[in-house]
PDB file of N, CA and C in Angstrom:
ATOM      1  N   MET A   1      15.808  61.346 -29.710  1.00  0.00           N
ATOM      2  CA  MET A   1      14.706  60.244 -29.431  1.00  0.00           C
ATOM      3  C   MET A   1      15.210  59.341 -30.517  1.00  0.00           C
ATOM      4  N   GLN A   2      15.597  59.608 -31.711  1.00  0.00           N
ATOM      5  CA  GLN A   2      15.833  58.468 -32.686  1.00  0.00           C
ATOM      6  C   GLN A   2      16.755  57.609 -32.173  1.00  0.00           C
ATOM      7  N   ALA A   3      17.923  58.034 -31.612  1.00  0.00           N
ATOM      8  CA  ALA A   3      19.059  57.244 -31.370  1.00  0.00           C
ATOM      9  C   ALA A   3      18.565  56.395 -30.071  1.00  0.00           C
ATOM     10  N   TYR A   4      17.637  56.938 -29.174  1.00  0.00           N
ATOM     11  CA  TYR A   4      17.249  56.170 -28.000  1.00  0.00           C
ATOM     12  C   TYR A   4      16.494  54.940 -28.674  1.00  0.00           C
ATOM     13  N   GLU A   5      15.656  55.257 -29.501  1.00  0.00           N
ATOM     14  CA  GLU A   5      14.774  54.015 -30.054  1.00  0.00           C
ATOM     15  C   GLU A   5      15.493  53.170 -30.807  1.00  0.00           C
ATOM     16  N   GLU A   6      16.461  53.635 -31.586  1.00  0.00           N
ATOM     17  CA  GLU A   6      17.287  52.720 -32.099  1.00  0.00           C
ATOM     18  C   GLU A   6      18.251  51.841 -31.274  1.00  0.00           C
ATOM     19  N   SER A   7      18.586  52.440 -30.244  1.00  0.00           N
ATOM     20  CA  SER A   7      19.489  51.679 -29.247  1.00  0.00           C
ATOM     21  C   SER A   7      18.560  50.581 -28.506  1.00  0.00           C
ATOM     22  N   LEU A   8      17.354  50.996 -28.182  1.00  0.00           N
ATOM     23  CA  LEU A   8      16.532  49.868 -27.693  1.00  0.00           C
ATOM     24  C   LEU A   8      16.239  48.724 -28.675  1.00  0.00           C
ATOM     25  N   GLU A   9      15.636  49.211 -29.827  1.00  0.00           N
ATOM     26  CA  GLU A   9      15.590  48.263 -30.913  1.00  0.00           C
ATOM     27  C   GLU A   9      16.804  47.114 -31.122  1.00  0.00           C
ATOM     28  N   ALA A  10      17.850  47.662 -30.984  1.00  0.00           N
ATOM     29  CA  ALA A  10      19.175  46.922 -31.363  1.00  0.00           C
ATOM     30  C   ALA A  10      19.455  45.936 -30.064  1.00  0.00           C
ATOM     31  N   THR A  11      19.169  46.243 -28.947  1.00  0.00           N
ATOM     32  CA  THR A  11      19.462  45.624 -27.726  1.00  0.00           C
ATOM     33  C   THR A  11      18.504  44.732 -27.273  1.00  0.00           C
ATOM     34  N   SER A  12      17.134  44.921 -27.521  1.00  0.00           N
ATOM     35  CA  SER A  12      15.958  44.296 -26.965  1.00  0.00           C
ATOM     36  C   SER A  12      15.852  42.919 -27.658  1.00  0.00           C
ATOM     37  N   THR A  13      15.777  42.002 -26.891  1.00  0.00           N
ATOM     38  CA  THR A  13      15.694  40.632 -27.501  1.00  0.00           C
ATOM     39  C   THR A  13      14.339  39.833 -27.092  1.00  0.00           C
ATOM     40  N   GLU A  14      13.913  38.869 -27.655  1.00  0.00           N
ATOM     41  CA  GLU A  14      12.644  38.248 -27.135  1.00  0.00           C
ATOM     42  C   GLU A  14      13.027  37.678 -25.708  1.00  0.00           C
ATOM     43  N   TRP A  15      14.068  37.195 -25.530  1.00  0.00           N
ATOM     44  CA  TRP A  15      14.569  36.302 -24.241  1.00  0.00           C
ATOM     45  C   TRP A  15      15.039  37.397 -23.142  1.00  0.00           C
ATOM     46  N   ALA A  16      15.353  38.687 -23.729  1.00  0.00           N
ATOM     47  CA  ALA A  16      15.850  39.861 -22.792  1.00  0.00           C
ATOM     48  C   ALA A  16      15.320  41.040 -23.186  1.00  0.00           C
ATOM     49  N   PRO A  17      14.038  41.349 -23.019  1.00  0.00           N
ATOM     50  CA  PRO A  17      13.440  42.722 -23.537  1.00  0.00           C
ATOM     51  C   PRO A  17      13.813  43.712 -22.667  1.00  0.00           C
ATOM     52  N   TRP A  18      13.706  44.843 -23.187  1.00  0.00           N
ATOM     53  CA  TRP A  18      13.761  46.129 -22.642  1.00  0.00           C
ATOM     54  C   TRP A  18      12.205  46.671 -22.320  1.00  0.00           C
ATOM     55  N   TYR A  19      12.003  47.285 -21.294  1.00  0.00           N
ATOM     56  CA  TYR A  19      10.642  48.001 -21.116  1.00  0.00           C
ATOM     57  C   TYR A  19      10.921  49.302 -20.792  1.00  0.00           C
ATOM     58  N   VAL A  20      10.189  50.289 -21.285  1.00  0.00           N
ATOM     59  CA  VAL A  20      10.127  51.612 -21.229  1.00  0.00           C
ATOM     60  C   VAL A  20       8.835  51.968 -20.050  1.00  0.00           C
ATOM     61  N   VAL A  21       9.304  52.353 -18.890  1.00  0.00           N
ATOM     62  CA  VAL A  21       8.304  52.533 -17.744  1.00  0.00           C
ATOM     63  C   VAL A  21       8.384  53.979 -17.496  1.00  0.00           C
ATOM     64  N   PRO A  22       7.229  54.662 -17.778  1.00  0.00           N
ATOM     65  CA  PRO A  22       7.151  56.022 -17.227  1.00  0.00           C
ATOM     66  C   PRO A  22       7.260  56.254 -15.854  1.00  0.00           C
ATOM     67  N   ALA A  23       8.123  57.298 -15.411  1.00  0.00           N
ATOM     68  CA  ALA A  23       8.404  57.335 -13.848  1.00  0.00           C
ATOM     69  C   ALA A  23       7.901  58.791 -13.487  1.00  0.00           C
ATOM     70  N   ASP A  24       6.890  59.501 -14.009  1.00  0.00           N
ATOM     71  CA  ASP A  24       6.214  60.596 -13.444  1.00  0.00           C
ATOM     72  C   ASP A  24       5.658  60.363 -12.131  1.00  0.00           C
ATOM     73  N   GLN A  25       5.080  59.121 -12.015  1.00  0.00           N
ATOM     74  CA  GLN A  25       4.447  58.945 -10.680  1.00  0.00           C
ATOM     75  C   GLN A  25       4.765  57.354 -10.237  1.00  0.00           C
ATOM     76  N   LYS A  26       5.433  57.607  -9.063  1.00  0.00           N
ATOM     77  CA  LYS A  26       6.188  56.270  -8.474  1.00  0.00           C
ATOM     78  C   LYS A  26       5.243  55.259  -8.488  1.00  0.00           C
ATOM     79  N   TRP A  27       3.984  55.469  -8.061  1.00  0.00           N
ATOM     80  CA  TRP A  27       3.000  54.324  -7.788  1.00  0.00           C
ATOM     81  C   TRP A  27       2.714  53.618  -9.148  1.00  0.00           C
ATOM     82  N   VAL A  28       2.645  54.444 -10.295  1.00  0.00           N
ATOM     83  CA  VAL A  28       2.247  53.962 -11.668  1.00  0.00           C
ATOM     84  C   VAL A  28       3.573  53.062 -12.065  1.00  0.00           C
ATOM     85  N   ALA A  29       4.628  53.729 -11.952  1.00  0.00           N
ATOM     86  CA  ALA A  29       5.815  53.002 -12.349  1.00  0.00           C
ATOM     87  C   ALA A  29       6.067  51.742 -11.747  1.00  0.00           C
ATOM     88  N   ARG A  30       5.876  51.616 -10.234  1.00  0.00           N
ATOM     89  CA  ARG A  30       6.033  50.408  -9.453  1.00  0.00           C
ATOM     90  C   ARG A  30       4.924  49.377  -9.869  1.00  0.00           C
ATOM     91  N   SER A  31       3.632  49.730 -10.166  1.00  0.00           N
ATOM     92  CA  SER A  31       2.684  48.927 -10.656  1.00  0.00           C
ATOM     93  C   SER A  31       3.073  48.295 -11.866  1.00  0.00           C
ATOM     94  N   ILE A  32       3.492  49.043 -12.827  1.00  0.00           N
ATOM     95  CA  ILE A  32       3.950  48.541 -14.200  1.00  0.00           C
ATOM     96  C   ILE A  32       5.095  47.478 -13.971  1.00  0.00           C
ATOM     97  N   VAL A  33       5.972  47.739 -13.133  1.00  0.00           N
ATOM     98  CA  VAL A  33       7.211  46.807 -12.860  1.00  0.00           C
ATOM     99  C   VAL A  33       6.809  45.559 -12.262  1.00  0.00           C
ATOM    100  N   ALA A  34       6.092  45.774 -11.351  1.00  0.00           N
ATOM    101  CA  ALA A  34       5.168  44.595 -10.582  1.00  0.00           C
ATOM    102  C   ALA A  34       4.537  43.771 -11.641  1.00  0.00           C
ATOM    103  N   SER A  35       3.705  44.456 -12.467  1.00  0.00           N
ATOM    104  CA  SER A  35       2.918  43.438 -13.579  1.00  0.00           C
ATOM    105  C   SER A  35       3.915  42.744 -14.535  1.00  0.00           C
ATOM    106  N   ILE A  36       4.969  43.406 -14.986  1.00  0.00           N
ATOM    107  CA  ILE A  36       5.955  42.726 -15.644  1.00  0.00           C
ATOM    108  C   ILE A  36       6.613  41.628 -15.070  1.00  0.00           C
ATOM    109  N   LEU A  37       6.996  41.914 -13.851  1.00  0.00           N
ATOM    110  CA  LEU A  37       7.635  40.647 -13.189  1.00  0.00           C
ATOM    111  C   LEU A  37       6.825  39.535 -12.881  1.00  0.00           C
ATOM    112  N   ARG A  38       5.436  39.824 -12.494  1.00  0.00           N
ATOM    113  CA  ARG A  38       4.428  38.824 -12.314  1.00  0.00           C
ATOM    114  C   ARG A  38       4.411  37.898 -13.571  1.00  0.00           C
ATOM    115  N   GLU A  39       4.030  38.657 -14.753  1.00  0.00           N
ATOM    116  CA  GLU A  39       3.955  37.937 -16.020  1.00  0.00           C
ATOM    117  C   GLU A  39       5.117  37.150 -16.474  1.00  0.00           C
ATOM    118  N   THR A  40       6.270  37.768 -16.328  1.00  0.00           N
ATOM    119  CA  THR A  40       7.552  36.986 -16.492  1.00  0.00           C
ATOM    120  C   THR A  40       7.841  35.682 -15.626  1.00  0.00           C
ATOM    121  N   ILE A  41       7.643  35.983 -14.313  1.00  0.00           N
ATOM    122  CA  ILE A  41       7.929  34.788 -13.445  1.00  0.00           C
ATOM    123  C   ILE A  41       6.794  33.609 -13.688  1.00  0.00           C
ATOM    124  N   SER A  42       5.551  33.930 -14.081  1.00  0.00           N
ATOM    125  CA  SER A  42       4.490  33.152 -14.335  1.00  0.00           C
ATOM    126  C   SER A  42       4.577  32.457 -15.612  1.00  0.00           C
ATOM    127  N   GLY A  43       5.416  33.032 -16.533  1.00  0.00           N
ATOM    128  CA  GLY A  43       5.538  32.494 -17.990  1.00  0.00           C
ATOM    129  C   GLY A  43       6.853  31.463 -17.684  1.00  0.00           C
ATOM    130  N   LEU A  44       7.541  31.418 -16.618  1.00  0.00           N
ATOM    131  CA  LEU A  44       8.488  30.450 -16.507  1.00  0.00           C
ATOM    132  C   LEU A  44       7.983  29.194 -16.072  1.00  0.00           C
ATOM    133  N   GLU A  45       6.853  29.004 -15.609  1.00  0.00           N
ATOM    134  CA  GLU A  45       6.077  27.664 -15.210  1.00  0.00           C
ATOM    135  C   GLU A  45       7.066  26.943 -14.324  1.00  0.00           C
ATOM    136  N   LEU A  46       7.610  27.511 -13.335  1.00  0.00           N
ATOM    137  CA  LEU A  46       8.448  26.992 -12.255  1.00  0.00           C
ATOM    138  C   LEU A  46       7.753  25.876 -11.356  1.00  0.00           C
ATOM    139  N   ARG A  47       8.385  24.829 -11.324  1.00  0.00           N
ATOM    140  CA  ARG A  47       7.852  23.754 -10.383  1.00  0.00           C
ATOM    141  C   ARG A  47       8.889  23.319  -9.334  1.00  0.00           C
ATOM    142  N   TYR A  48       8.323  22.832  -8.162  1.00  0.00           N
ATOM    143  CA  TYR A  48       9.366  22.369  -7.057  1.00  0.00           C
ATOM    144  C   TYR A  48       9.971  20.990  -7.872  1.00  0.00           C
ATOM    145  N   PRO A  49      11.256  20.627  -7.205  1.00  0.00           N
ATOM    146  CA  PRO A  49      11.697  19.419  -7.875  1.00  0.00           C
ATOM    147  C   PRO A  49      11.074  18.364  -7.253  1.00  0.00           C
ATOM    148  N   GLN A  50      10.950  17.145  -8.136  1.00  0.00           N
ATOM    149  CA  GLN A  50      10.489  15.863  -7.528  1.00  0.00           C
ATOM    150  C   GLN A  50      11.576  15.127  -6.714  1.00  0.00           C
ATOM    151  N   LEU A  51      11.375  14.868  -5.705  1.00  0.00           N
ATOM    152  CA  LEU A  51      12.301  14.058  -4.678  1.00  0.00           C
ATOM    153  C   LEU A  51      12.046  12.571  -4.836  1.00  0.00           C
ATOM    154  N   THR A  52      13.147  11.738  -4.984  1.00  0.00           N
ATOM    155  CA  THR A  52      12.974  10.250  -5.078  1.00  0.00           C
ATOM    156  C   THR A  52      12.765  10.123  -3.383  1.00  0.00           C
ATOM    157  N   ALA A  53      12.357   8.719  -3.391  1.00  0.00           N
ATOM    158  CA  ALA A  53      12.124   8.123  -2.055  1.00  0.00           C
ATOM    159  C   ALA A  53      13.115   8.188  -1.169  1.00  0.00           C
ATOM    160  N   GLU A  54      14.333   7.947  -1.683  1.00  0.00           N
ATOM    161  CA  GLU A  54      15.671   8.012  -1.189  1.00  0.00           C
ATOM    162  C   GLU A  54      15.844   9.474  -0.458  1.00  0.00           C
ATOM    163  N   GLN A  55      15.560  10.418  -1.414  1.00  0.00           N
ATOM    164  CA  GLN A  55      15.907  11.615  -0.965  1.00  0.00           C
ATOM    165  C   GLN A  55      14.909  12.122   0.217  1.00  0.00           C
ATOM    166  N   GLN A  56      13.845  11.805  -0.047  1.00  0.00           N
ATOM    167  CA  GLN A  56      12.836  12.083   1.218  1.00  0.00           C
ATOM    168  C   GLN A  56      13.175  11.569   2.250  1.00  0.00           C
ATOM    169  N   SER A  57      13.834  10.142   2.235  1.00  0.00           N
ATOM    170  CA  SER A  57      14.274   9.751   3.425  1.00  0.00           C
ATOM    171  C   SER A  57      15.273  10.349   4.062  1.00  0.00           C
ATOM    172  N   LYS A  58      16.148  10.802   3.492  1.00  0.00           N
ATOM    173  CA  LYS A  58      17.435  11.666   3.959  1.00  0.00           C
ATOM    174  C   LYS A  58      17.061  12.852   4.549  1.00  0.00           C
ATOM    175  N   PHE A  59      15.993  13.578   3.803  1.00  0.00           N
ATOM    176  CA  PHE A  59      15.451  14.670   4.312  1.00  0.00           C
ATOM    177  C   PHE A  59      14.839  14.511   5.753  1.00  0.00           C
ATOM    178  N   ALA A  60      14.083  13.316   5.835  1.00  0.00           N
ATOM    179  CA  ALA A  60      13.301  13.133   7.151  1.00  0.00           C
ATOM    180  C   ALA A  60      14.215  12.914   8.156  1.00  0.00           C
ATOM    181  N   ALA A  61      15.359  12.144   7.793  1.00  0.00           N
ATOM    182  CA  ALA A  61      16.383  11.708   8.926  1.00  0.00           C
ATOM    183  C   ALA A  61      17.128  13.078   9.287  1.00  0.00           C
ATOM    184  N   ALA A  62      17.469  13.977   8.330  1.00  0.00           N
ATOM    185  CA  ALA A  62      18.059  15.150   8.757  1.00  0.00           C
ATOM    186  C   ALA A  62      17.031  16.048   9.446  1.00  0.00           C
ATOM    187  N   ARG A  63      15.867  15.921   9.195  1.00  0.00           N
ATOM    188  CA  ARG A  63      14.901  16.781  10.103  1.00  0.00           C
ATOM    189  C   ARG A  63      14.746  16.336  11.523  1.00  0.00           C
ATOM    190  N   GLU A  64      14.857  14.975  11.857  1.00  0.00           N
ATOM    191  CA  GLU A  64      14.791  14.380  12.969  1.00  0.00           C
ATOM    192  C   GLU A  64      16.031  14.691  13.714  1.00  0.00           C
ATOM    193  N   GLU A  65      17.251  14.615  13.127  1.00  0.00           N
ATOM    194  CA  GLU A  65      18.386  14.992  13.756  1.00  0.00           C
ATOM    195  C   GLU A  65      18.523  16.484  14.354  1.00  0.00           C
ATOM    196  N   LEU A  66      17.884  17.326  13.277  1.00  0.00           N
ATOM    197  CA  LEU A  66      17.857  18.829  13.898  1.00  0.00           C
ATOM    198  C   LEU A  66      16.857  18.871  15.013  1.00  0.00           C
ATOM    199  N   LEU A  67      15.846  18.276  14.839  1.00  0.00           N
ATOM    200  CA  LEU A  67      14.721  18.504  15.902  1.00  0.00           C
ATOM    201  C   LEU A  67      15.242  18.004  17.403  1.00  0.00           C
ATOM    202  N   ARG A  68      16.086  16.975  17.346  1.00  0.00           N
ATOM    203  CA  ARG A  68      16.787  16.409  18.732  1.00  0.00           C
ATOM    204  C   ARG A  68      17.602  17.442  19.264  1.00  0.00           C
ATOM    205  N   GLU A  69      18.395  18.346  18.443  1.00  0.00           N
ATOM    206  CA  GLU A  69      19.405  19.297  18.929  1.00  0.00           C
ATOM    207  C   GLU A  69      18.705  20.445  19.901  1.00  0.00           C
TER     208      GLU A  69
END
């Protein structure tokens, strides 16, 4: 158990942490993993890219071309 703890402490970092998830009950493990993923993704503060007017125009033209096919 000591070696296990030491290996986790040595390799877990702030930007790439390790999580110990109990696996005795699948639904509990899945819930814990889902919670970790939700918190991690929310923390990224992802945003859709902002398109310039030129890019929007090109997308609109491409869309029209595809709809004509």
